[in-house]
Amino acid sequence: MELFSIPSRIQIIIERLEELYTLRIFEDSDPFRVLIRTILSQRTRDENTDAASALLFTKFSTPEAIAYAPVDELEILIKKSGFYRVKARRIKEVSRIIHEEYDNVVPDDLKELLSLPGVGRKTANCVLVYGFHEDAIPVDVHVHRISNRIGLVNTKTPDETEAELRKVIPKKYWLPLNDLFVQFGQSICRPIGPKHEICPITELCDYYNKMDNPKKN
């Protein structure tokens, strides 16, 4: 493992994951839709987020429309996302602020995004990456787990992981990192029962190389 610096390792990791996965385009890169979708994605599965977002944007597709929509109707539309009562009020309030205070334009500034109710660093960074194509590192459970499992960082929280990744990963890899790690974490580097037998980066992974694995003998 000492043969690879962190930048060298991440270059190889990104290249190999790009051979397996196609980078996805979320909500046609519309910053407002990315923002609302990411809020809906909290504590739920991608397929539930997709279903809820599709129903919502079919009926209400602008900040003004969601801001003035009846909350009970929003709840019905986004029910599949889970925690729908909390999320309905949250997206309604965020939409109101975007409409009234930002003239329907989502800010592209991290500090301003973080000032929106219910928007943390992961959501704000998702908006910057997928809505504005700006350099940022959204850290969700997959990015946090995989970064520590591989040995890129040694951290306790997603915010700590983001801070450390920003220090060690070249900026040119920031944009694809989240989506590649999410897909990798869902299909191979799973929290329980990771599929080591088909993993393309085992020789670069601290976790794998510390295992008592007969394949390495």
Protein backbone atom coordinates (compact mmCIF):
# COMPACT_ATOMS: atom_id res chain seq x y z
CA MET A 1 0.00 0.00 0.00
CA GLU A 2 2.97 2.27 0.62
CA LEU A 3 3.69 2.18 -3.12
CA PHE A 4 0.66 4.38 -3.81
CA SER A 5 0.21 7.94 -2.65
CA ILE A 6 -3.36 9.06 -2.00
CA PRO A 7 -3.53 11.07 -5.28
CA SER A 8 -2.19 8.07 -7.20
CA ARG A 9 -4.65 5.73 -5.52
CA ILE A 10 -7.64 7.97 -6.16
CA GLN A 11 -6.65 8.35 -9.82
CA ILE A 12 -6.62 4.58 -10.28
CA ILE A 13 -9.83 4.16 -8.27
CA ILE A 14 -11.70 6.79 -10.31
CA GLU A 15 -10.46 5.33 -13.61
CA ARG A 16 -11.56 1.81 -12.66
CA LEU A 17 -14.95 2.89 -11.34
CA GLU A 18 -15.54 4.91 -14.52
CA GLU A 19 -15.12 1.65 -16.43
CA LEU A 20 -17.95 0.12 -14.38
CA TYR A 21 -20.39 3.01 -13.99
CA THR A 22 -21.81 5.84 -16.05
CA LEU A 23 -22.02 9.21 -14.35
CA ARG A 24 -25.67 10.13 -13.93
CA ILE A 25 -27.39 13.43 -14.70
CA PHE A 26 -29.76 14.43 -11.94
CA GLU A 27 -32.94 16.41 -12.68
CA ASP A 28 -31.47 17.73 -15.93
CA SER A 29 -28.91 19.66 -13.86
CA ASP A 30 -31.57 22.20 -12.84
CA PRO A 31 -30.32 23.59 -9.49
CA PHE A 32 -33.80 23.93 -7.99
CA ARG A 33 -34.80 20.39 -8.90
CA VAL A 34 -31.47 19.06 -7.64
CA LEU A 35 -32.04 20.91 -4.35
CA ILE A 36 -35.56 19.57 -3.83
CA ARG A 37 -34.62 16.07 -4.95
CA THR A 38 -31.71 15.95 -2.52
CA ILE A 39 -33.94 17.04 0.36
CA LEU A 40 -36.38 14.27 -0.59
CA SER A 41 -33.51 11.75 -0.75
CA GLN A 42 -32.67 12.10 2.92
CA ARG A 43 -33.09 8.76 4.72
CA THR A 44 -34.61 6.91 1.79
CA ARG A 45 -33.62 4.79 -1.19
CA ASP A 46 -32.87 6.16 -4.66
CA GLU A 47 -35.90 4.51 -6.24
CA ASN A 48 -38.21 6.12 -3.68
CA THR A 49 -36.59 9.50 -4.30
CA ASP A 50 -36.99 9.07 -8.04
CA ALA A 51 -40.67 8.20 -7.71
CA ALA A 52 -41.46 11.04 -5.32
CA SER A 53 -39.53 13.60 -7.37
CA ALA A 54 -41.22 12.56 -10.59
CA LEU A 55 -44.71 12.93 -9.09
CA LEU A 56 -43.88 16.23 -7.46
CA PHE A 57 -42.33 17.89 -10.51
CA THR A 58 -45.12 16.69 -12.76
CA LYS A 59 -47.55 18.78 -10.69
CA PHE A 60 -45.37 21.54 -9.22
CA SER A 61 -42.11 22.34 -10.98
CA THR A 62 -41.08 25.84 -9.85
CA PRO A 63 -40.22 27.47 -6.52
CA GLU A 64 -43.37 29.58 -6.68
CA ALA A 65 -45.60 26.61 -7.45
CA ILE A 66 -44.28 24.52 -4.54
CA ALA A 67 -44.27 27.52 -2.20
CA TYR A 68 -48.00 28.07 -2.70
CA ALA A 69 -49.04 24.42 -3.04
CA PRO A 70 -51.28 22.98 -0.30
CA VAL A 71 -49.05 21.09 2.12
CA ASP A 72 -51.40 18.11 2.23
CA GLU A 73 -51.13 17.77 -1.56
CA LEU A 74 -47.34 17.91 -1.34
CA GLU A 75 -47.44 15.17 1.26
CA ILE A 76 -49.41 12.89 -1.05
CA LEU A 77 -47.06 13.50 -3.97
CA ILE A 78 -43.85 12.84 -2.03
CA LYS A 79 -45.15 10.08 0.25
CA LYS A 80 -42.83 7.44 -1.22
CA SER A 81 -39.79 9.42 -0.05
CA GLY A 82 -40.60 8.68 3.60
CA PHE A 83 -40.89 11.21 6.44
CA TYR A 84 -43.17 12.95 3.98
CA ARG A 85 -44.87 15.28 6.47
CA VAL A 86 -41.57 16.80 7.57
CA LYS A 87 -40.22 16.90 4.03
CA ALA A 88 -43.37 18.50 2.60
CA ARG A 89 -43.10 21.43 5.00
CA ARG A 90 -39.39 21.67 4.41
CA ILE A 91 -39.56 21.84 0.61
CA LYS A 92 -42.45 24.28 0.86
CA GLU A 93 -40.45 26.63 3.09
CA VAL A 94 -37.26 26.29 1.02
CA SER A 95 -39.26 27.01 -2.12
CA ARG A 96 -40.82 30.07 -0.51
CA ILE A 97 -37.40 31.45 0.38
CA ILE A 98 -36.02 30.77 -3.11
CA HIS A 99 -39.08 32.46 -4.63
CA GLU A 100 -39.33 35.48 -2.33
CA GLU A 101 -35.72 36.15 -1.37
CA TYR A 102 -33.80 34.91 -4.41
CA ASP A 103 -36.25 35.71 -7.21
CA ASN A 104 -36.63 32.00 -8.05
CA VAL A 105 -32.88 31.50 -8.55
CA VAL A 106 -31.08 28.99 -6.35
CA PRO A 107 -27.88 30.52 -4.95
CA ASP A 108 -24.59 28.98 -6.06
CA ASP A 109 -22.86 29.92 -2.81
CA LEU A 110 -22.23 27.28 -0.15
CA LYS A 111 -22.89 29.62 2.78
CA GLU A 112 -26.22 30.78 1.35
CA LEU A 113 -27.29 27.23 0.58
CA LEU A 114 -26.47 26.19 4.14
CA SER A 115 -28.71 28.99 5.43
CA LEU A 116 -31.77 27.29 3.91
CA PRO A 117 -33.83 25.24 6.39
CA GLY A 118 -32.92 21.57 6.43
CA VAL A 119 -29.96 22.00 4.09
CA GLY A 120 -26.71 20.55 5.39
CA ARG A 121 -23.32 20.24 3.75
CA LYS A 122 -24.17 17.10 1.78
CA THR A 123 -27.29 18.67 0.25
CA ALA A 124 -25.55 21.98 -0.44
CA ASN A 125 -22.61 20.25 -2.09
CA CYS A 126 -24.95 18.13 -4.20
CA VAL A 127 -26.52 21.33 -5.53
CA LEU A 128 -23.09 22.76 -6.33
CA VAL A 129 -21.94 19.58 -8.08
CA TYR A 130 -25.07 18.40 -9.88
CA GLY A 131 -26.82 21.75 -10.32
CA PHE A 132 -23.92 24.09 -11.05
CA HIS A 133 -21.09 21.67 -11.95
CA GLU A 134 -18.85 23.36 -9.41
CA ASP A 135 -16.03 21.60 -7.59
CA ALA A 136 -17.35 20.16 -4.33
CA ILE A 137 -17.46 16.81 -2.54
CA PRO A 138 -20.90 15.72 -1.32
CA VAL A 139 -20.35 13.17 1.43
CA ASP A 140 -23.20 10.76 2.12
CA VAL A 141 -23.10 7.43 3.94
CA HIS A 142 -21.51 5.68 0.95
CA VAL A 143 -18.72 8.23 0.45
CA HIS A 144 -18.04 8.32 4.19
CA ARG A 145 -17.92 4.53 4.53
CA ILE A 146 -15.90 3.81 1.39
CA SER A 147 -13.35 6.58 1.99
CA ASN A 148 -12.62 5.16 5.43
CA ARG A 149 -12.78 1.53 4.32
CA ILE A 150 -10.32 2.08 1.48
CA GLY A 151 -8.04 4.13 3.71
CA LEU A 152 -8.26 7.52 2.02
CA VAL A 153 -9.23 9.06 5.36
CA ASN A 154 -9.62 8.08 9.00
CA THR A 155 -12.63 10.03 10.22
CA LYS A 156 -15.72 9.68 12.41
CA THR A 157 -18.30 11.89 10.68
CA PRO A 158 -19.26 12.82 7.10
CA ASP A 159 -18.26 16.45 7.70
CA GLU A 160 -14.80 15.33 8.84
CA THR A 161 -14.58 13.08 5.79
CA GLU A 162 -15.39 15.94 3.46
CA ALA A 163 -12.75 18.16 5.07
CA GLU A 164 -10.07 15.47 4.79
CA LEU A 165 -10.98 14.47 1.23
CA ARG A 166 -10.69 18.09 0.14
CA LYS A 167 -7.11 18.05 1.46
CA VAL A 168 -5.92 14.83 -0.18
CA ILE A 169 -7.92 14.43 -3.41
CA PRO A 170 -6.96 16.50 -6.47
CA LYS A 171 -9.77 18.88 -7.38
CA LYS A 172 -10.20 17.36 -10.85
CA TYR A 173 -11.66 14.25 -9.19
CA TRP A 174 -14.13 16.03 -6.91
CA LEU A 175 -17.02 16.19 -9.39
CA PRO A 176 -17.28 12.46 -10.26
CA LEU A 177 -16.34 11.12 -6.83
CA ASN A 178 -19.77 11.20 -5.17
CA ASP A 179 -21.76 9.53 -7.92
CA LEU A 180 -19.10 6.86 -8.56
CA PHE A 181 -18.76 6.04 -4.86
CA VAL A 182 -22.54 5.92 -4.41
CA GLN A 183 -22.97 3.44 -7.26
CA PHE A 184 -19.95 1.45 -6.04
CA GLY A 185 -21.34 1.43 -2.50
CA GLN A 186 -24.75 0.22 -3.63
CA SER A 187 -23.52 -2.58 -5.87
CA ILE A 188 -20.13 -3.79 -4.60
CA CYS A 189 -18.70 -2.01 -1.55
CA ARG A 190 -21.85 -2.58 0.49
CA PRO A 191 -21.97 -1.86 4.23
CA ILE A 192 -22.68 -5.54 4.96
CA GLY A 193 -21.36 -8.28 2.71
CA PRO A 194 -19.09 -6.31 0.37
CA LYS A 195 -18.47 -8.23 -2.85
CA HIS A 196 -14.69 -8.58 -2.67
CA GLU A 197 -14.68 -11.21 -5.40
CA ILE A 198 -15.72 -8.67 -8.04
CA CYS A 199 -14.21 -5.52 -6.55
CA PRO A 200 -11.87 -3.80 -9.04
CA ILE A 201 -9.73 -2.04 -6.43
CA THR A 202 -8.88 -4.68 -3.82
CA GLU A 203 -5.13 -4.06 -4.00
CA LEU A 204 -5.79 -0.40 -3.18
CA CYS A 205 -8.09 -1.07 -0.23
CA ASP A 206 -6.80 -1.06 3.35
CA TYR A 207 -9.82 -3.02 4.58
CA TYR A 208 -9.33 -5.82 2.07
CA ASN A 209 -5.59 -6.03 2.60
CA LYS A 210 -6.01 -6.34 6.36
CA MET A 211 -8.39 -9.28 5.99
CA ASP A 212 -7.31 -12.84 6.59
CA ASN A 213 -8.00 -13.71 2.98
CA PRO A 214 -6.83 -17.01 1.48
CA LYS A 215 -6.83 -15.45 -2.00
CA LYS A 216 -3.84 -13.33 -1.01
CA ASN A 217 -1.70 -16.22 0.20
